[in-house]
Amino acid sequence: HYPGFTHFLAPHYTPTNPSHWNQEAMNLAALPPPTAHPTLLFYI
């Protein structure tokens, strides 16, 4: 599976985040069956 964690450092490429706040997402599709589901969990 794709890694469990993705980090987006100081994003300068989006107008909806002009302060460039870091973003982090977890890959819940990588959970073990039967708990896996096609979901990204963003911690803010």
ModelCIF file with pLDDT and N, C-alpha, C, O atoms, coordinates in Angstrom:
data_MODEL
#
_entry.id   MODEL 
#
_entity.id                         1 
_entity.type                       polymer 
_entity.pdbx_number_of_molecules   1 
#
_entity_poly.entity_id                      1 
_entity_poly.type                           'polypeptide(L)' 
_entity_poly.nstd_linkage                   no 
_entity_poly.nstd_monomer                   no 
_entity_poly.pdbx_seq_one_letter_code       HYPGFTHFLAPHYTPTNPSHWNQEAMNLAALPPPTAHPTLLFYI 
_entity_poly.pdbx_seq_one_letter_code_can   HYPGFTHFLAPHYTPTNPSHWNQEAMNLAALPPPTAHPTLLFYI 
_entity_poly.pdbx_strand_id                 A 
#
loop_
_entity_poly_seq.entity_id 
_entity_poly_seq.num 
_entity_poly_seq.mon_id 
_entity_poly_seq.hetero 
1 1  HIS n 
1 2  TYR n 
1 3  PRO n 
1 4  GLY n 
1 5  PHE n 
1 6  THR n 
1 7  HIS n 
1 8  PHE n 
1 9  LEU n 
1 10 ALA n 
1 11 PRO n 
1 12 HIS n 
1 13 TYR n 
1 14 THR n 
1 15 PRO n 
1 16 THR n 
1 17 ASN n 
1 18 PRO n 
1 19 SER n 
1 20 HIS n 
1 21 TRP n 
1 22 ASN n 
1 23 GLN n 
1 24 GLU n 
1 25 ALA n 
1 26 MET n 
1 27 ASN n 
1 28 LEU n 
1 29 ALA n 
1 30 ALA n 
1 31 LEU n 
1 32 PRO n 
1 33 PRO n 
1 34 PRO n 
1 35 THR n 
1 36 ALA n 
1 37 HIS n 
1 38 PRO n 
1 39 THR n 
1 40 LEU n 
1 41 LEU n 
1 42 PHE n 
1 43 TYR n 
1 44 ILE n 
#
_struct_asym.id          A 
_struct_asym.entity_id   1 
#
loop_
_ma_qa_metric.id 
_ma_qa_metric.mode 
_ma_qa_metric.name 
_ma_qa_metric.software_group_id 
_ma_qa_metric.type 
1 global pLDDT . pLDDT 
2 local  pLDDT . pLDDT 
#
_ma_qa_metric_global.metric_id      1 
_ma_qa_metric_global.metric_value   96.16 
_ma_qa_metric_global.model_id       1 
_ma_qa_metric_global.ordinal_id     1 
#
loop_
_ma_qa_metric_local.label_asym_id 
_ma_qa_metric_local.label_comp_id 
_ma_qa_metric_local.label_seq_id 
_ma_qa_metric_local.metric_id 
_ma_qa_metric_local.metric_value 
_ma_qa_metric_local.model_id 
_ma_qa_metric_local.ordinal_id 
A HIS 1  2 88.00 1 1  
A TYR 2  2 94.00 1 2  
A PRO 3  2 94.00 1 3  
A GLY 4  2 94.00 1 4  
A PHE 5  2 95.00 1 5  
A THR 6  2 97.00 1 6  
A HIS 7  2 97.00 1 7  
A PHE 8  2 98.00 1 8  
A LEU 9  2 98.00 1 9  
A ALA 10 2 97.00 1 10 
A PRO 11 2 98.00 1 11 
A HIS 12 2 97.00 1 12 
A TYR 13 2 97.00 1 13 
A THR 14 2 96.00 1 14 
A PRO 15 2 96.00 1 15 
A THR 16 2 97.00 1 16 
A ASN 17 2 97.00 1 17 
A PRO 18 2 96.00 1 18 
A SER 19 2 97.00 1 19 
A HIS 20 2 97.00 1 20 
A TRP 21 2 98.00 1 21 
A ASN 22 2 97.00 1 22 
A GLN 23 2 98.00 1 23 
A GLU 24 2 97.00 1 24 
A ALA 25 2 98.00 1 25 
A MET 26 2 97.00 1 26 
A ASN 27 2 97.00 1 27 
A LEU 28 2 97.00 1 28 
A ALA 29 2 96.00 1 29 
A ALA 30 2 94.00 1 30 
A LEU 31 2 95.00 1 31 
A PRO 32 2 93.00 1 32 
A PRO 33 2 90.00 1 33 
A PRO 34 2 92.00 1 34 
A THR 35 2 96.00 1 35 
A ALA 36 2 95.00 1 36 
A HIS 37 2 96.00 1 37 
A PRO 38 2 97.00 1 38 
A THR 39 2 98.00 1 39 
A LEU 40 2 98.00 1 40 
A LEU 41 2 98.00 1 41 
A PHE 42 2 98.00 1 42 
A TYR 43 2 98.00 1 43 
A ILE 44 2 98.00 1 44 
#
loop_
_atom_site.group_PDB 
_atom_site.id 
_atom_site.type_symbol 
_atom_site.label_atom_id 
_atom_site.label_alt_id 
_atom_site.label_comp_id 
_atom_site.label_asym_id 
_atom_site.label_entity_id 
_atom_site.label_seq_id 
_atom_site.pdbx_PDB_ins_code 
_atom_site.Cartn_x 
_atom_site.Cartn_y 
_atom_site.Cartn_z 
_atom_site.occupancy 
_atom_site.B_iso_or_equiv 
_atom_site.pdbx_formal_charge 
_atom_site.auth_seq_id 
_atom_site.auth_comp_id 
_atom_site.auth_asym_id 
_atom_site.auth_atom_id 
_atom_site.pdbx_PDB_model_num 
ATOM 1   N N  . HIS A 1 1  ? 0.825   -1.200 0.000  1.00 88.00 ? 1  HIS A N  1 
ATOM 2   C CA . HIS A 1 1  ? 0.000   0.000  0.000  1.00 88.00 ? 1  HIS A CA 1 
ATOM 3   C C  . HIS A 1 1  ? 0.867   1.260  0.000  1.00 88.00 ? 1  HIS A C  1 
ATOM 4   O O  . HIS A 1 1  ? 2.036   1.248  0.386  1.00 88.00 ? 1  HIS A O  1 
ATOM 5   N N  . TYR A 1 2  ? 0.244   2.334  -0.447 1.00 94.00 ? 2  TYR A N  1 
ATOM 6   C CA . TYR A 1 2  ? 0.873   3.645  -0.294 1.00 94.00 ? 2  TYR A CA 1 
ATOM 7   C C  . TYR A 1 2  ? 1.156   3.867  1.196  1.00 94.00 ? 2  TYR A C  1 
ATOM 8   O O  . TYR A 1 2  ? 0.423   3.351  2.040  1.00 94.00 ? 2  TYR A O  1 
ATOM 9   N N  . PRO A 1 3  ? 2.206   4.624  1.533  1.00 94.00 ? 3  PRO A N  1 
ATOM 10  C CA . PRO A 1 3  ? 2.567   4.795  2.952  1.00 94.00 ? 3  PRO A CA 1 
ATOM 11  C C  . PRO A 1 3  ? 1.418   5.281  3.827  1.00 94.00 ? 3  PRO A C  1 
ATOM 12  O O  . PRO A 1 3  ? 0.458   5.887  3.351  1.00 94.00 ? 3  PRO A O  1 
ATOM 13  N N  . GLY A 1 4  ? 1.543   5.000  5.101  1.00 94.00 ? 4  GLY A N  1 
ATOM 14  C CA . GLY A 1 4  ? 0.505   5.392  6.048  1.00 94.00 ? 4  GLY A CA 1 
ATOM 15  C C  . GLY A 1 4  ? 0.410   6.882  6.259  1.00 94.00 ? 4  GLY A C  1 
ATOM 16  O O  . GLY A 1 4  ? -0.657  7.386  6.610  1.00 94.00 ? 4  GLY A O  1 
ATOM 17  N N  . PHE A 1 5  ? 1.509   7.610  6.052  1.00 95.00 ? 5  PHE A N  1 
ATOM 18  C CA . PHE A 1 5  ? 1.532   9.033  6.376  1.00 95.00 ? 5  PHE A CA 1 
ATOM 19  C C  . PHE A 1 5  ? 2.072   9.842  5.214  1.00 95.00 ? 5  PHE A C  1 
ATOM 20  O O  . PHE A 1 5  ? 3.049   9.460  4.570  1.00 95.00 ? 5  PHE A O  1 
ATOM 21  N N  . THR A 1 6  ? 1.422   10.968 4.955  1.00 97.00 ? 6  THR A N  1 
ATOM 22  C CA . THR A 1 6  ? 1.898   11.910 3.943  1.00 97.00 ? 6  THR A CA 1 
ATOM 23  C C  . THR A 1 6  ? 1.981   13.293 4.561  1.00 97.00 ? 6  THR A C  1 
ATOM 24  O O  . THR A 1 6  ? 1.034   13.759 5.195  1.00 97.00 ? 6  THR A O  1 
ATOM 25  N N  . HIS A 1 7  ? 3.113   13.942 4.373  1.00 97.00 ? 7  HIS A N  1 
ATOM 26  C CA . HIS A 1 7  ? 3.331   15.287 4.919  1.00 97.00 ? 7  HIS A CA 1 
ATOM 27  C C  . HIS A 1 7  ? 3.473   16.279 3.763  1.00 97.00 ? 7  HIS A C  1 
ATOM 28  O O  . HIS A 1 7  ? 4.205   16.031 2.805  1.00 97.00 ? 7  HIS A O  1 
ATOM 29  N N  . PHE A 1 8  ? 2.780   17.379 3.867  1.00 98.00 ? 8  PHE A N  1 
ATOM 30  C CA . PHE A 1 8  ? 2.835   18.457 2.880  1.00 98.00 ? 8  PHE A CA 1 
ATOM 31  C C  . PHE A 1 8  ? 3.466   19.657 3.582  1.00 98.00 ? 8  PHE A C  1 
ATOM 32  O O  . PHE A 1 8  ? 2.816   20.323 4.388  1.00 98.00 ? 8  PHE A O  1 
ATOM 33  N N  . LEU A 1 9  ? 4.722   19.927 3.278  1.00 98.00 ? 9  LEU A N  1 
ATOM 34  C CA . LEU A 1 9  ? 5.479   20.936 4.004  1.00 98.00 ? 9  LEU A CA 1 
ATOM 35  C C  . LEU A 1 9  ? 5.294   22.328 3.417  1.00 98.00 ? 9  LEU A C  1 
ATOM 36  O O  . LEU A 1 9  ? 5.502   22.541 2.222  1.00 98.00 ? 9  LEU A O  1 
ATOM 37  N N  . ALA A 1 10 ? 4.903   23.272 4.265  1.00 97.00 ? 10 ALA A N  1 
ATOM 38  C CA . ALA A 1 10 ? 4.814   24.694 3.903  1.00 97.00 ? 10 ALA A CA 1 
ATOM 39  C C  . ALA A 1 10 ? 4.271   24.910 2.494  1.00 97.00 ? 10 ALA A C  1 
ATOM 40  O O  . ALA A 1 10 ? 4.934   25.558 1.684  1.00 97.00 ? 10 ALA A O  1 
ATOM 41  N N  . PRO A 1 11 ? 3.094   24.391 2.176  1.00 98.00 ? 11 PRO A N  1 
ATOM 42  C CA . PRO A 1 11 ? 2.593   24.462 0.791  1.00 98.00 ? 11 PRO A CA 1 
ATOM 43  C C  . PRO A 1 11 ? 2.406   25.892 0.296  1.00 98.00 ? 11 PRO A C  1 
ATOM 44  O O  . PRO A 1 11 ? 1.670   26.683 0.886  1.00 98.00 ? 11 PRO A O  1 
ATOM 45  N N  . HIS A 1 12 ? 3.096   26.203 -0.805 1.00 97.00 ? 12 HIS A N  1 
ATOM 46  C CA . HIS A 1 12 ? 2.991   27.520 -1.432 1.00 97.00 ? 12 HIS A CA 1 
ATOM 47  C C  . HIS A 1 12 ? 2.179   27.460 -2.724 1.00 97.00 ? 12 HIS A C  1 
ATOM 48  O O  . HIS A 1 12 ? 2.172   28.425 -3.488 1.00 97.00 ? 12 HIS A O  1 
ATOM 49  N N  . TYR A 1 13 ? 1.501   26.355 -2.980 1.00 97.00 ? 13 TYR A N  1 
ATOM 50  C CA . TYR A 1 13 ? 0.869   26.122 -4.263 1.00 97.00 ? 13 TYR A CA 1 
ATOM 51  C C  . TYR A 1 13 ? -0.653  26.153 -4.204 1.00 97.00 ? 13 TYR A C  1 
ATOM 52  O O  . TYR A 1 13 ? -1.317  25.714 -5.143 1.00 97.00 ? 13 TYR A O  1 
ATOM 53  N N  . THR A 1 14 ? -1.212  26.667 -3.110 1.00 96.00 ? 14 THR A N  1 
ATOM 54  C CA . THR A 1 14 ? -2.662  26.688 -3.008 1.00 96.00 ? 14 THR A CA 1 
ATOM 55  C C  . THR A 1 14 ? -3.166  28.018 -2.452 1.00 96.00 ? 14 THR A C  1 
ATOM 56  O O  . THR A 1 14 ? -2.686  28.462 -1.409 1.00 96.00 ? 14 THR A O  1 
ATOM 57  N N  . PRO A 1 15 ? -4.115  28.658 -3.118 1.00 96.00 ? 15 PRO A N  1 
ATOM 58  C CA . PRO A 1 15 ? -4.665  29.930 -2.631 1.00 96.00 ? 15 PRO A CA 1 
ATOM 59  C C  . PRO A 1 15 ? -5.552  29.766 -1.405 1.00 96.00 ? 15 PRO A C  1 
ATOM 60  O O  . PRO A 1 15 ? -5.810  30.742 -0.701 1.00 96.00 ? 15 PRO A O  1 
ATOM 61  N N  . THR A 1 16 ? -6.026  28.547 -1.135 1.00 97.00 ? 16 THR A N  1 
ATOM 62  C CA . THR A 1 16 ? -6.890  28.349 0.034  1.00 97.00 ? 16 THR A CA 1 
ATOM 63  C C  . THR A 1 16 ? -6.095  28.243 1.328  1.00 97.00 ? 16 THR A C  1 
ATOM 64  O O  . THR A 1 16 ? -6.676  28.140 2.408  1.00 97.00 ? 16 THR A O  1 
ATOM 65  N N  . ASN A 1 17 ? -4.766  28.267 1.225  1.00 97.00 ? 17 ASN A N  1 
ATOM 66  C CA . ASN A 1 17 ? -3.898  28.191 2.405  1.00 97.00 ? 17 ASN A CA 1 
ATOM 67  C C  . ASN A 1 17 ? -2.783  29.223 2.263  1.00 97.00 ? 17 ASN A C  1 
ATOM 68  O O  . ASN A 1 17 ? -1.612  28.862 2.146  1.00 97.00 ? 17 ASN A O  1 
ATOM 69  N N  . PRO A 1 18 ? -3.143  30.502 2.273  1.00 96.00 ? 18 PRO A N  1 
ATOM 70  C CA . PRO A 1 18 ? -2.136  31.549 2.033  1.00 96.00 ? 18 PRO A CA 1 
ATOM 71  C C  . PRO A 1 18 ? -1.074  31.651 3.112  1.00 96.00 ? 18 PRO A C  1 
ATOM 72  O O  . PRO A 1 18 ? -0.010  32.223 2.872  1.00 96.00 ? 18 PRO A O  1 
ATOM 73  N N  . SER A 1 19 ? -1.337  31.107 4.299  1.00 97.00 ? 19 SER A N  1 
ATOM 74  C CA . SER A 1 19 ? -0.337  31.137 5.373  1.00 97.00 ? 19 SER A CA 1 
ATOM 75  C C  . SER A 1 19 ? 0.604   29.937 5.320  1.00 97.00 ? 19 SER A C  1 
ATOM 76  O O  . SER A 1 19 ? 1.509   29.824 6.147  1.00 97.00 ? 19 SER A O  1 
ATOM 77  N N  . HIS A 1 20 ? 0.399   29.043 4.359  1.00 97.00 ? 20 HIS A N  1 
ATOM 78  C CA . HIS A 1 20 ? 1.286   27.902 4.117  1.00 97.00 ? 20 HIS A CA 1 
ATOM 79  C C  . HIS A 1 20 ? 1.363   26.951 5.317  1.00 97.00 ? 20 HIS A C  1 
ATOM 80  O O  . HIS A 1 20 ? 2.436   26.444 5.644  1.00 97.00 ? 20 HIS A O  1 
ATOM 81  N N  . TRP A 1 21 ? 0.239   26.717 5.959  1.00 98.00 ? 21 TRP A N  1 
ATOM 82  C CA . TRP A 1 21 ? 0.230   25.780 7.082  1.00 98.00 ? 21 TRP A CA 1 
ATOM 83  C C  . TRP A 1 21 ? 0.501   24.368 6.590  1.00 98.00 ? 21 TRP A C  1 
ATOM 84  O O  . TRP A 1 21 ? -0.085  23.926 5.601  1.00 98.00 ? 21 TRP A O  1 
ATOM 85  N N  . ASN A 1 22 ? 1.394   23.656 7.283  1.00 97.00 ? 22 ASN A N  1 
ATOM 86  C CA . ASN A 1 22 ? 1.652   22.258 6.956  1.00 97.00 ? 22 ASN A CA 1 
ATOM 87  C C  . ASN A 1 22 ? 0.365   21.440 7.014  1.00 97.00 ? 22 ASN A C  1 
ATOM 88  O O  . ASN A 1 22 ? -0.538  21.741 7.795  1.00 97.00 ? 22 ASN A O  1 
ATOM 89  N N  . GLN A 1 23 ? 0.291   20.406 6.185  1.00 98.00 ? 23 GLN A N  1 
ATOM 90  C CA . GLN A 1 23 ? -0.838  19.484 6.215  1.00 98.00 ? 23 GLN A CA 1 
ATOM 91  C C  . GLN A 1 23 ? -0.315  18.057 6.328  1.00 98.00 ? 23 GLN A C  1 
ATOM 92  O O  . GLN A 1 23 ? 0.780   17.745 5.859  1.00 98.00 ? 23 GLN A O  1 
ATOM 93  N N  . GLU A 1 24 ? -1.111  17.200 6.955  1.00 97.00 ? 24 GLU A N  1 
ATOM 94  C CA . GLU A 1 24 ? -0.706  15.808 7.150  1.00 97.00 ? 24 GLU A CA 1 
ATOM 95  C C  . GLU A 1 24 ? -1.907  14.899 6.963  1.00 97.00 ? 24 GLU A C  1 
ATOM 96  O O  . GLU A 1 24 ? -2.997  15.193 7.453  1.00 97.00 ? 24 GLU A O  1 
ATOM 97  N N  . ALA A 1 25 ? -1.710  13.802 6.257  1.00 98.00 ? 25 ALA A N  1 
ATOM 98  C CA . ALA A 1 25 ? -2.807  12.880 5.985  1.00 98.00 ? 25 ALA A CA 1 
ATOM 99  C C  . ALA A 1 25 ? -2.388  11.449 6.279  1.00 98.00 ? 25 ALA A C  1 
ATOM 100 O O  . ALA A 1 25 ? -1.241  11.060 6.061  1.00 98.00 ? 25 ALA A O  1 
ATOM 101 N N  . MET A 1 26 ? -3.353  10.669 6.782  1.00 97.00 ? 26 MET A N  1 
ATOM 102 C CA . MET A 1 26 ? -3.146  9.242  7.030  1.00 97.00 ? 26 MET A CA 1 
ATOM 103 C C  . MET A 1 26 ? -3.943  8.433  6.018  1.00 97.00 ? 26 MET A C  1 
ATOM 104 O O  . MET A 1 26 ? -5.057  8.801  5.647  1.00 97.00 ? 26 MET A O  1 
ATOM 105 N N  . ASN A 1 27 ? -3.356  7.330  5.581  1.00 97.00 ? 27 ASN A N  1 
ATOM 106 C CA . ASN A 1 27 ? -3.950  6.449  4.588  1.00 97.00 ? 27 ASN A CA 1 
ATOM 107 C C  . ASN A 1 27 ? -4.722  5.335  5.289  1.00 97.00 ? 27 ASN A C  1 
ATOM 108 O O  . ASN A 1 27 ? -4.139  4.312  5.648  1.00 97.00 ? 27 ASN A O  1 
ATOM 109 N N  . LEU A 1 28 ? -6.009  5.520  5.485  1.00 97.00 ? 28 LEU A N  1 
ATOM 110 C CA . LEU A 1 28 ? -6.807  4.524  6.190  1.00 97.00 ? 28 LEU A CA 1 
ATOM 111 C C  . LEU A 1 28 ? -7.170  3.335  5.304  1.00 97.00 ? 28 LEU A C  1 
ATOM 112 O O  . LEU A 1 28 ? -7.747  2.357  5.779  1.00 97.00 ? 28 LEU A O  1 
ATOM 113 N N  . ALA A 1 29 ? -6.834  3.418  4.027  1.00 96.00 ? 29 ALA A N  1 
ATOM 114 C CA . ALA A 1 29 ? -6.982  2.247  3.164  1.00 96.00 ? 29 ALA A CA 1 
ATOM 115 C C  . ALA A 1 29 ? -5.917  1.203  3.473  1.00 96.00 ? 29 ALA A C  1 
ATOM 116 O O  . ALA A 1 29 ? -6.020  0.057  3.036  1.00 96.00 ? 29 ALA A O  1 
ATOM 117 N N  . ALA A 1 30 ? -4.901  1.596  4.219  1.00 94.00 ? 30 ALA A N  1 
ATOM 118 C CA . ALA A 1 30 ? -3.833  0.668  4.588  1.00 94.00 ? 30 ALA A CA 1 
ATOM 119 C C  . ALA A 1 30 ? -4.108  -0.050 5.901  1.00 94.00 ? 30 ALA A C  1 
ATOM 120 O O  . ALA A 1 30 ? -3.294  -0.860 6.346  1.00 94.00 ? 30 ALA A O  1 
ATOM 121 N N  . LEU A 1 31 ? -5.251  0.236  6.527  1.00 95.00 ? 31 LEU A N  1 
ATOM 122 C CA . LEU A 1 31 ? -5.607  -0.479 7.748  1.00 95.00 ? 31 LEU A CA 1 
ATOM 123 C C  . LEU A 1 31 ? -5.856  -1.952 7.428  1.00 95.00 ? 31 LEU A C  1 
ATOM 124 O O  . LEU A 1 31 ? -6.173  -2.291 6.288  1.00 95.00 ? 31 LEU A O  1 
ATOM 125 N N  . PRO A 1 32 ? -5.717  -2.819 8.411  1.00 93.00 ? 32 PRO A N  1 
ATOM 126 C CA . PRO A 1 32 ? -5.949  -4.241 8.158  1.00 93.00 ? 32 PRO A CA 1 
ATOM 127 C C  . PRO A 1 32 ? -7.426  -4.538 7.944  1.00 93.00 ? 32 PRO A C  1 
ATOM 128 O O  . PRO A 1 32 ? -8.281  -3.880 8.537  1.00 93.00 ? 32 PRO A O  1 
ATOM 129 N N  . PRO A 1 33 ? -7.737  -5.524 7.102  1.00 90.00 ? 33 PRO A N  1 
ATOM 130 C CA . PRO A 1 33 ? -9.137  -5.938 6.943  1.00 90.00 ? 33 PRO A CA 1 
ATOM 131 C C  . PRO A 1 33 ? -9.679  -6.439 8.283  1.00 90.00 ? 33 PRO A C  1 
ATOM 132 O O  . PRO A 1 33 ? -8.917  -7.047 9.034  1.00 90.00 ? 33 PRO A O  1 
ATOM 133 N N  . PRO A 1 34 ? -10.929 -6.220 8.618  1.00 92.00 ? 34 PRO A N  1 
ATOM 134 C CA . PRO A 1 34 ? -11.953 -5.557 7.799  1.00 92.00 ? 34 PRO A CA 1 
ATOM 135 C C  . PRO A 1 34 ? -12.089 -4.075 8.110  1.00 92.00 ? 34 PRO A C  1 
ATOM 136 O O  . PRO A 1 34 ? -13.113 -3.472 7.789  1.00 92.00 ? 34 PRO A O  1 
ATOM 137 N N  . THR A 1 35 ? -11.073 -3.474 8.732  1.00 96.00 ? 35 THR A N  1 
ATOM 138 C CA . THR A 1 35 ? -11.193 -2.080 9.167  1.00 96.00 ? 35 THR A CA 1 
ATOM 139 C C  . THR A 1 35 ? -10.804 -1.073 8.095  1.00 96.00 ? 35 THR A C  1 
ATOM 140 O O  . THR A 1 35 ? -11.071 0.119  8.248  1.00 96.00 ? 35 THR A O  1 
ATOM 141 N N  . ALA A 1 36 ? -10.175 -1.529 7.008  1.00 95.00 ? 36 ALA A N  1 
ATOM 142 C CA . ALA A 1 36 ? -9.700  -0.610 5.969  1.00 95.00 ? 36 ALA A CA 1 
ATOM 143 C C  . ALA A 1 36 ? -10.866 0.001  5.199  1.00 95.00 ? 36 ALA A C  1 
ATOM 144 O O  . ALA A 1 36 ? -11.890 -0.648 4.985  1.00 95.00 ? 36 ALA A O  1 
ATOM 145 N N  . HIS A 1 37 ? -10.702 1.239  4.790  1.00 96.00 ? 37 HIS A N  1 
ATOM 146 C CA . HIS A 1 37 ? -11.680 1.893  3.930  1.00 96.00 ? 37 HIS A CA 1 
ATOM 147 C C  . HIS A 1 37 ? -10.987 2.996  3.140  1.00 96.00 ? 37 HIS A C  1 
ATOM 148 O O  . HIS A 1 37 ? -9.974  3.525  3.597  1.00 96.00 ? 37 HIS A O  1 
ATOM 149 N N  . PRO A 1 38 ? -11.505 3.358  1.963  1.00 97.00 ? 38 PRO A N  1 
ATOM 150 C CA . PRO A 1 38 ? -10.815 4.310  1.082  1.00 97.00 ? 38 PRO A CA 1 
ATOM 151 C C  . PRO A 1 38 ? -10.933 5.748  1.581  1.00 97.00 ? 38 PRO A C  1 
ATOM 152 O O  . PRO A 1 38 ? -11.614 6.583  0.985  1.00 97.00 ? 38 PRO A O  1 
ATOM 153 N N  . THR A 1 39 ? -10.252 6.005  2.688  1.00 98.00 ? 39 THR A N  1 
ATOM 154 C CA . THR A 1 39 ? -10.387 7.285  3.367  1.00 98.00 ? 39 THR A CA 1 
ATOM 155 C C  . THR A 1 39 ? -9.023  7.876  3.681  1.00 98.00 ? 39 THR A C  1 
ATOM 156 O O  . THR A 1 39 ? -8.089  7.162  4.046  1.00 98.00 ? 39 THR A O  1 
ATOM 157 N N  . LEU A 1 40 ? -8.924  9.177  3.534  1.00 98.00 ? 40 LEU A N  1 
ATOM 158 C CA . LEU A 1 40 ? -7.764  9.932  4.010  1.00 98.00 ? 40 LEU A CA 1 
ATOM 159 C C  . LEU A 1 40 ? -8.190  10.688 5.261  1.00 98.00 ? 40 LEU A C  1 
ATOM 160 O O  . LEU A 1 40 ? -9.241  11.328 5.288  1.00 98.00 ? 40 LEU A O  1 
ATOM 161 N N  . LEU A 1 41 ? -7.367  10.606 6.284  1.00 98.00 ? 41 LEU A N  1 
ATOM 162 C CA . LEU A 1 41 ? -7.621  11.331 7.529  1.00 98.00 ? 41 LEU A CA 1 
ATOM 163 C C  . LEU A 1 41 ? -6.616  12.460 7.635  1.00 98.00 ? 41 LEU A C  1 
ATOM 164 O O  . LEU A 1 41 ? -5.421  12.220 7.812  1.00 98.00 ? 41 LEU A O  1 
ATOM 165 N N  . PHE A 1 42 ? -7.094  13.692 7.528  1.00 98.00 ? 42 PHE A N  1 
ATOM 166 C CA . PHE A 1 42 ? -6.229  14.861 7.698  1.00 98.00 ? 42 PHE A CA 1 
ATOM 167 C C  . PHE A 1 42 ? -6.297  15.315 9.153  1.00 98.00 ? 42 PHE A C  1 
ATOM 168 O O  . PHE A 1 42 ? -7.374  15.591 9.681  1.00 98.00 ? 42 PHE A O  1 
ATOM 169 N N  . TYR A 1 43 ? -5.135  15.389 9.787  1.00 98.00 ? 43 TYR A N  1 
ATOM 170 C CA . TYR A 1 43 ? -5.043  15.994 11.114 1.00 98.00 ? 43 TYR A CA 1 
ATOM 171 C C  . TYR A 1 43 ? -4.750  17.475 10.932 1.00 98.00 ? 43 TYR A C  1 
ATOM 172 O O  . TYR A 1 43 ? -3.784  17.842 10.263 1.00 98.00 ? 43 TYR A O  1 
ATOM 173 N N  . ILE A 1 44 ? -5.572  18.317 11.519 1.00 98.00 ? 44 ILE A N  1 
ATOM 174 C CA . ILE A 1 44 ? -5.350  19.758 11.422 1.00 98.00 ? 44 ILE A CA 1 
ATOM 175 C C  . ILE A 1 44 ? -5.240  20.332 12.832 1.00 98.00 ? 44 ILE A C  1 
ATOM 176 O O  . ILE A 1 44 ? -5.050  21.538 12.994 1.00 98.00 ? 44 ILE A O  1 
#
